[in-house]
Amino acid sequence: QVQLVESGGGLVQPGGSLRLSCVASGFRLDQYAIGWFRQAPGKAREGVSCISDRGGVTYYADAVKGRFTISRDSAENTLFLQMDNLKPEDTAVYYCRAESPGGVLPNYWGNGTQVTVSS
């Protein structure tokens, strides 16, 4: 079955940390640019961070720069997002996405994992 499954979300206090994982099955993540998006209640989905198919190029939204770190493990077919110094405004459902460079393969979304930052 072809899918992306996120995990690692939860409730954390401001200043805390979480590590999100996104495991791909049925296809190879190393053939894709992959990234994290998030959607807070009443807001549009926004890009958080992404990493190129070969892992050499990363992007971070200004709101998370210096606090979040994206990485990938090709052997485990997994994408990670280390989130440190979390703030209440980071509260959202976090989704991973795999996008084929040049559009030669199908693109995929995960179903999301909830991150809540609250005291």
N, C-alpha and C. Protein backbone atom coordinates (compact mmCIF):
# COMPACT_ATOMS: atom_id res chain seq x y z
N GLN A 1 0.84 -1.19 0.00
CA GLN A 1 0.00 0.00 0.00
C GLN A 1 0.88 1.24 0.00
N VAL A 2 0.59 2.18 -0.90
CA VAL A 2 1.37 3.40 -1.02
C VAL A 2 0.82 4.43 -0.04
N GLN A 3 1.65 4.86 0.89
CA GLN A 3 1.17 5.84 1.86
C GLN A 3 2.31 6.51 2.59
N LEU A 4 1.98 7.66 3.20
CA LEU A 4 2.86 8.36 4.12
C LEU A 4 2.15 8.39 5.47
N VAL A 5 2.84 8.02 6.52
CA VAL A 5 2.23 8.00 7.85
C VAL A 5 3.08 8.82 8.80
N GLU A 6 2.47 9.88 9.35
CA GLU A 6 3.16 10.74 10.31
C GLU A 6 2.94 10.23 11.73
N SER A 7 3.87 10.54 12.60
CA SER A 7 3.74 10.24 14.03
C SER A 7 4.62 11.21 14.80
N GLY A 8 4.43 11.22 16.12
CA GLY A 8 5.29 12.02 16.98
C GLY A 8 4.64 13.29 17.51
N GLY A 9 3.43 13.59 17.06
CA GLY A 9 2.76 14.77 17.57
C GLY A 9 2.29 14.55 19.00
N GLY A 10 1.78 15.63 19.59
CA GLY A 10 1.29 15.53 20.96
C GLY A 10 1.15 16.89 21.59
N LEU A 11 0.95 16.86 22.90
CA LEU A 11 0.81 18.09 23.69
C LEU A 11 2.14 18.38 24.38
N VAL A 12 2.63 19.59 24.23
CA VAL A 12 3.90 19.98 24.83
C VAL A 12 3.78 21.41 25.34
N GLN A 13 4.53 21.71 26.39
CA GLN A 13 4.53 23.07 26.94
C GLN A 13 5.40 23.99 26.09
N PRO A 14 5.12 25.29 26.12
CA PRO A 14 6.00 26.23 25.41
C PRO A 14 7.45 26.05 25.83
N GLY A 15 8.33 26.10 24.83
CA GLY A 15 9.74 25.86 25.09
C GLY A 15 10.16 24.41 24.96
N GLY A 16 9.18 23.52 24.84
CA GLY A 16 9.48 22.10 24.74
C GLY A 16 9.84 21.67 23.33
N SER A 17 10.05 20.37 23.18
CA SER A 17 10.48 19.80 21.90
C SER A 17 9.63 18.60 21.52
N LEU A 18 9.52 18.39 20.24
CA LEU A 18 8.91 17.19 19.68
C LEU A 18 9.69 16.80 18.43
N ARG A 19 9.65 15.51 18.11
CA ARG A 19 10.25 15.02 16.87
C ARG A 19 9.19 14.30 16.07
N LEU A 20 8.88 14.84 14.93
CA LEU A 20 7.91 14.21 14.05
C LEU A 20 8.61 13.26 13.09
N SER A 21 7.93 12.17 12.77
CA SER A 21 8.42 11.21 11.79
C SER A 21 7.37 11.02 10.71
N CYS A 22 7.83 10.72 9.51
CA CYS A 22 6.94 10.44 8.39
C CYS A 22 7.53 9.25 7.64
N VAL A 23 6.87 8.12 7.74
CA VAL A 23 7.36 6.89 7.12
C VAL A 23 6.63 6.65 5.81
N ALA A 24 7.40 6.40 4.76
CA ALA A 24 6.81 6.10 3.46
C ALA A 24 6.78 4.59 3.24
N SER A 25 5.70 4.13 2.67
CA SER A 25 5.62 2.72 2.29
C SER A 25 5.08 2.64 0.87
N GLY A 26 5.58 1.67 0.13
CA GLY A 26 5.12 1.48 -1.24
C GLY A 26 5.83 2.30 -2.28
N PHE A 27 6.73 3.17 -1.85
CA PHE A 27 7.53 3.94 -2.79
C PHE A 27 8.79 4.43 -2.08
N ARG A 28 9.77 4.87 -2.87
CA ARG A 28 11.04 5.30 -2.32
C ARG A 28 11.07 6.80 -2.11
N LEU A 29 11.29 7.21 -0.88
CA LEU A 29 11.34 8.64 -0.58
C LEU A 29 12.54 9.32 -1.20
N ASP A 30 13.61 8.58 -1.46
CA ASP A 30 14.80 9.24 -1.99
C ASP A 30 14.63 9.66 -3.46
N GLN A 31 13.49 9.36 -4.05
CA GLN A 31 13.18 9.84 -5.39
C GLN A 31 12.35 11.11 -5.38
N TYR A 32 12.11 11.62 -4.17
CA TYR A 32 11.21 12.76 -4.00
C TYR A 32 11.86 13.89 -3.20
N ALA A 33 11.42 15.13 -3.51
CA ALA A 33 11.59 16.23 -2.57
C ALA A 33 10.47 16.06 -1.53
N ILE A 34 10.80 16.21 -0.28
CA ILE A 34 9.82 15.95 0.77
C ILE A 34 9.82 17.09 1.77
N GLY A 35 8.68 17.29 2.39
CA GLY A 35 8.60 18.41 3.30
C GLY A 35 7.45 18.30 4.28
N TRP A 36 7.39 19.27 5.16
CA TRP A 36 6.37 19.37 6.19
C TRP A 36 5.54 20.63 5.95
N PHE A 37 4.25 20.46 6.07
CA PHE A 37 3.30 21.56 6.03
C PHE A 37 2.51 21.52 7.33
N ARG A 38 1.84 22.61 7.64
CA ARG A 38 0.99 22.62 8.83
C ARG A 38 -0.26 23.46 8.57
N GLN A 39 -1.30 23.13 9.29
CA GLN A 39 -2.55 23.85 9.17
C GLN A 39 -3.16 24.05 10.55
N ALA A 40 -3.24 25.31 10.93
CA ALA A 40 -3.87 25.67 12.21
C ALA A 40 -5.36 25.89 11.97
N PRO A 41 -6.17 25.77 13.03
CA PRO A 41 -7.62 25.96 12.88
C PRO A 41 -7.93 27.32 12.25
N GLY A 42 -8.76 27.31 11.22
CA GLY A 42 -9.19 28.54 10.58
C GLY A 42 -8.16 29.18 9.67
N LYS A 43 -7.04 28.50 9.46
CA LYS A 43 -5.98 29.07 8.61
C LYS A 43 -5.67 28.14 7.45
N ALA A 44 -5.03 28.70 6.44
CA ALA A 44 -4.64 27.92 5.28
C ALA A 44 -3.42 27.05 5.62
N ARG A 45 -3.28 25.96 4.88
CA ARG A 45 -2.10 25.13 5.05
C ARG A 45 -0.88 25.90 4.57
N GLU A 46 0.22 25.79 5.34
CA GLU A 46 1.42 26.53 5.00
C GLU A 46 2.64 25.62 5.02
N GLY A 47 3.62 25.96 4.22
CA GLY A 47 4.85 25.20 4.21
C GLY A 47 5.70 25.52 5.41
N VAL A 48 6.30 24.51 6.00
CA VAL A 48 7.15 24.67 7.18
C VAL A 48 8.61 24.46 6.80
N SER A 49 8.88 23.34 6.15
CA SER A 49 10.26 23.00 5.81
C SER A 49 10.24 21.93 4.74
N CYS A 50 11.28 21.93 3.90
CA CYS A 50 11.38 20.87 2.91
C CYS A 50 12.85 20.56 2.66
N ILE A 51 13.07 19.40 2.06
CA ILE A 51 14.44 18.95 1.77
C ILE A 51 14.43 18.31 0.40
N SER A 52 15.48 18.55 -0.36
CA SER A 52 15.54 18.06 -1.73
C SER A 52 15.68 16.54 -1.77
N ASP A 53 15.47 15.97 -2.96
CA ASP A 53 15.49 14.52 -3.11
C ASP A 53 16.84 13.93 -2.74
N ARG A 54 17.90 14.66 -2.93
CA ARG A 54 19.22 14.15 -2.57
C ARG A 54 19.69 14.66 -1.22
N GLY A 55 18.85 15.49 -0.57
CA GLY A 55 19.14 15.93 0.78
C GLY A 55 20.09 17.09 0.88
N GLY A 56 20.51 17.66 -0.25
CA GLY A 56 21.52 18.71 -0.19
C GLY A 56 20.97 20.10 0.02
N VAL A 57 19.69 20.28 -0.20
CA VAL A 57 19.09 21.60 -0.10
C VAL A 57 17.92 21.54 0.86
N THR A 58 17.88 22.48 1.80
CA THR A 58 16.78 22.56 2.75
C THR A 58 16.19 23.96 2.73
N TYR A 59 14.94 24.02 3.12
CA TYR A 59 14.21 25.29 3.22
C TYR A 59 13.45 25.31 4.54
N TYR A 60 13.42 26.49 5.15
CA TYR A 60 12.63 26.68 6.38
C TYR A 60 11.83 27.97 6.26
N ALA A 61 10.61 27.91 6.68
CA ALA A 61 9.82 29.13 6.79
C ALA A 61 10.44 30.03 7.86
N ASP A 62 10.31 31.33 7.68
CA ASP A 62 10.91 32.27 8.63
C ASP A 62 10.44 32.01 10.06
N ALA A 63 9.19 31.60 10.20
CA ALA A 63 8.61 31.42 11.53
C ALA A 63 9.26 30.30 12.33
N VAL A 64 9.95 29.38 11.63
CA VAL A 64 10.52 28.22 12.33
C VAL A 64 12.04 28.16 12.21
N LYS A 65 12.61 29.08 11.46
CA LYS A 65 14.05 29.06 11.22
C LYS A 65 14.80 29.16 12.54
N GLY A 66 15.80 28.30 12.72
CA GLY A 66 16.57 28.29 13.95
C GLY A 66 15.98 27.45 15.06
N ARG A 67 14.74 26.99 14.88
CA ARG A 67 14.09 26.16 15.90
C ARG A 67 13.78 24.75 15.40
N PHE A 68 13.50 24.61 14.12
CA PHE A 68 13.15 23.32 13.53
C PHE A 68 14.30 22.83 12.66
N THR A 69 14.46 21.51 12.60
CA THR A 69 15.47 20.90 11.75
C THR A 69 14.86 19.73 10.99
N ILE A 70 14.97 19.76 9.68
CA ILE A 70 14.44 18.68 8.85
C ILE A 70 15.58 17.74 8.47
N SER A 71 15.27 16.46 8.41
CA SER A 71 16.27 15.48 7.99
C SER A 71 15.55 14.29 7.38
N ARG A 72 16.33 13.48 6.67
CA ARG A 72 15.74 12.29 6.06
C ARG A 72 16.70 11.13 6.23
N ASP A 73 16.14 9.95 6.32
CA ASP A 73 16.91 8.72 6.43
C ASP A 73 16.47 7.83 5.28
N SER A 74 17.28 7.76 4.25
CA SER A 74 16.89 6.98 3.07
C SER A 74 16.79 5.50 3.38
N ALA A 75 17.67 5.01 4.24
CA ALA A 75 17.64 3.58 4.57
C ALA A 75 16.33 3.20 5.27
N GLU A 76 15.82 4.12 6.08
CA GLU A 76 14.57 3.86 6.80
C GLU A 76 13.36 4.39 6.03
N ASN A 77 13.61 5.06 4.89
CA ASN A 77 12.52 5.62 4.08
C ASN A 77 11.65 6.57 4.91
N THR A 78 12.33 7.40 5.70
CA THR A 78 11.64 8.22 6.69
C THR A 78 12.12 9.67 6.64
N LEU A 79 11.18 10.56 6.89
CA LEU A 79 11.44 11.99 7.01
C LEU A 79 11.23 12.38 8.46
N PHE A 80 12.05 13.30 8.96
CA PHE A 80 11.94 13.75 10.34
C PHE A 80 11.81 15.27 10.40
N LEU A 81 11.22 15.74 11.48
CA LEU A 81 11.22 17.17 11.79
C LEU A 81 11.45 17.31 13.28
N GLN A 82 12.63 17.77 13.65
CA GLN A 82 12.94 18.06 15.05
C GLN A 82 12.48 19.48 15.34
N MET A 83 11.60 19.61 16.31
CA MET A 83 11.03 20.90 16.64
C MET A 83 11.43 21.26 18.06
N ASP A 84 12.20 22.31 18.22
CA ASP A 84 12.66 22.77 19.52
C ASP A 84 12.11 24.15 19.82
N ASN A 85 12.14 24.50 21.10
CA ASN A 85 11.65 25.82 21.53
C ASN A 85 10.27 26.11 20.94
N LEU A 86 9.38 25.17 21.11
CA LEU A 86 8.05 25.28 20.53
C LEU A 86 7.27 26.43 21.15
N LYS A 87 6.44 27.06 20.33
CA LYS A 87 5.64 28.20 20.75
C LYS A 87 4.16 27.87 20.52
N PRO A 88 3.27 28.53 21.24
CA PRO A 88 1.83 28.27 21.04
C PRO A 88 1.40 28.44 19.58
N GLU A 89 2.03 29.34 18.87
CA GLU A 89 1.65 29.56 17.47
C GLU A 89 2.10 28.43 16.55
N ASP A 90 2.86 27.47 17.08
CA ASP A 90 3.20 26.29 16.31
C ASP A 90 2.09 25.23 16.35
N THR A 91 1.08 25.47 17.14
CA THR A 91 -0.03 24.53 17.24
C THR A 91 -0.72 24.37 15.89
N ALA A 92 -0.81 23.14 15.43
CA ALA A 92 -1.39 22.87 14.11
C ALA A 92 -1.38 21.36 13.87
N VAL A 93 -2.04 20.95 12.81
CA VAL A 93 -1.86 19.61 12.29
C VAL A 93 -0.71 19.66 11.29
N TYR A 94 0.25 18.78 11.48
CA TYR A 94 1.44 18.76 10.63
C TYR A 94 1.32 17.60 9.64
N TYR A 95 1.57 17.92 8.37
CA TYR A 95 1.46 16.95 7.29
C TYR A 95 2.81 16.81 6.58
N CYS A 96 3.12 15.63 6.15
CA CYS A 96 4.28 15.48 5.27
C CYS A 96 3.78 15.30 3.84
N ARG A 97 4.64 15.72 2.92
CA ARG A 97 4.31 15.64 1.50
C ARG A 97 5.54 15.19 0.73
N ALA A 98 5.32 14.30 -0.21
CA ALA A 98 6.37 13.86 -1.11
C ALA A 98 6.02 14.36 -2.50
N GLU A 99 6.93 15.11 -3.10
CA GLU A 99 6.68 15.69 -4.42
C GLU A 99 7.77 15.26 -5.39
N SER A 100 7.33 14.74 -6.52
CA SER A 100 8.27 14.24 -7.51
C SER A 100 8.88 15.39 -8.31
N PRO A 101 10.21 15.52 -8.31
CA PRO A 101 10.83 16.55 -9.15
C PRO A 101 10.47 16.35 -10.62
N GLY A 102 9.97 17.38 -11.23
CA GLY A 102 9.58 17.29 -12.63
C GLY A 102 8.24 16.62 -12.85
N GLY A 103 7.61 16.16 -11.77
CA GLY A 103 6.28 15.59 -11.90
C GLY A 103 6.22 14.25 -12.60
N VAL A 104 7.31 13.50 -12.60
CA VAL A 104 7.33 12.23 -13.33
C VAL A 104 6.70 11.08 -12.55
N LEU A 105 6.54 11.29 -11.23
CA LEU A 105 5.92 10.27 -10.38
C LEU A 105 4.75 10.90 -9.63
N PRO A 106 3.85 10.10 -9.08
CA PRO A 106 2.73 10.67 -8.30
C PRO A 106 3.25 11.39 -7.05
N ASN A 107 2.50 12.39 -6.59
CA ASN A 107 2.80 13.07 -5.35
C ASN A 107 1.91 12.53 -4.24
N TYR A 108 2.37 12.65 -2.99
CA TYR A 108 1.63 12.06 -1.87
C TYR A 108 1.57 13.01 -0.68
N TRP A 109 0.45 12.93 0.04
CA TRP A 109 0.27 13.59 1.33
C TRP A 109 0.04 12.54 2.40
N GLY A 110 0.54 12.84 3.61
CA GLY A 110 0.16 12.04 4.76
C GLY A 110 -1.16 12.55 5.34
N ASN A 111 -1.65 11.86 6.37
CA ASN A 111 -2.93 12.24 6.97
C ASN A 111 -2.79 13.22 8.13
N GLY A 112 -1.57 13.48 8.55
CA GLY A 112 -1.34 14.51 9.54
C GLY A 112 -1.19 13.99 10.96
N THR A 113 -0.50 14.79 11.78
CA THR A 113 -0.35 14.51 13.21
C THR A 113 -0.52 15.83 13.95
N GLN A 114 -1.28 15.80 15.04
CA GLN A 114 -1.61 17.03 15.77
C GLN A 114 -0.48 17.41 16.71
N VAL A 115 -0.08 18.67 16.65
CA VAL A 115 0.88 19.24 17.58
C VAL A 115 0.18 20.37 18.33
N THR A 116 0.16 20.28 19.64
CA THR A 116 -0.46 21.31 20.46
C THR A 116 0.57 21.83 21.47
N VAL A 117 0.80 23.13 21.43
CA VAL A 117 1.75 23.75 22.34
C VAL A 117 0.96 24.65 23.30
N SER A 118 0.92 24.24 24.54
CA SER A 118 0.09 24.95 25.51
C SER A 118 0.58 24.67 26.91
N SER A 119 0.44 25.66 27.79
CA SER A 119 0.79 25.47 29.20
C SER A 119 -0.45 25.06 29.98
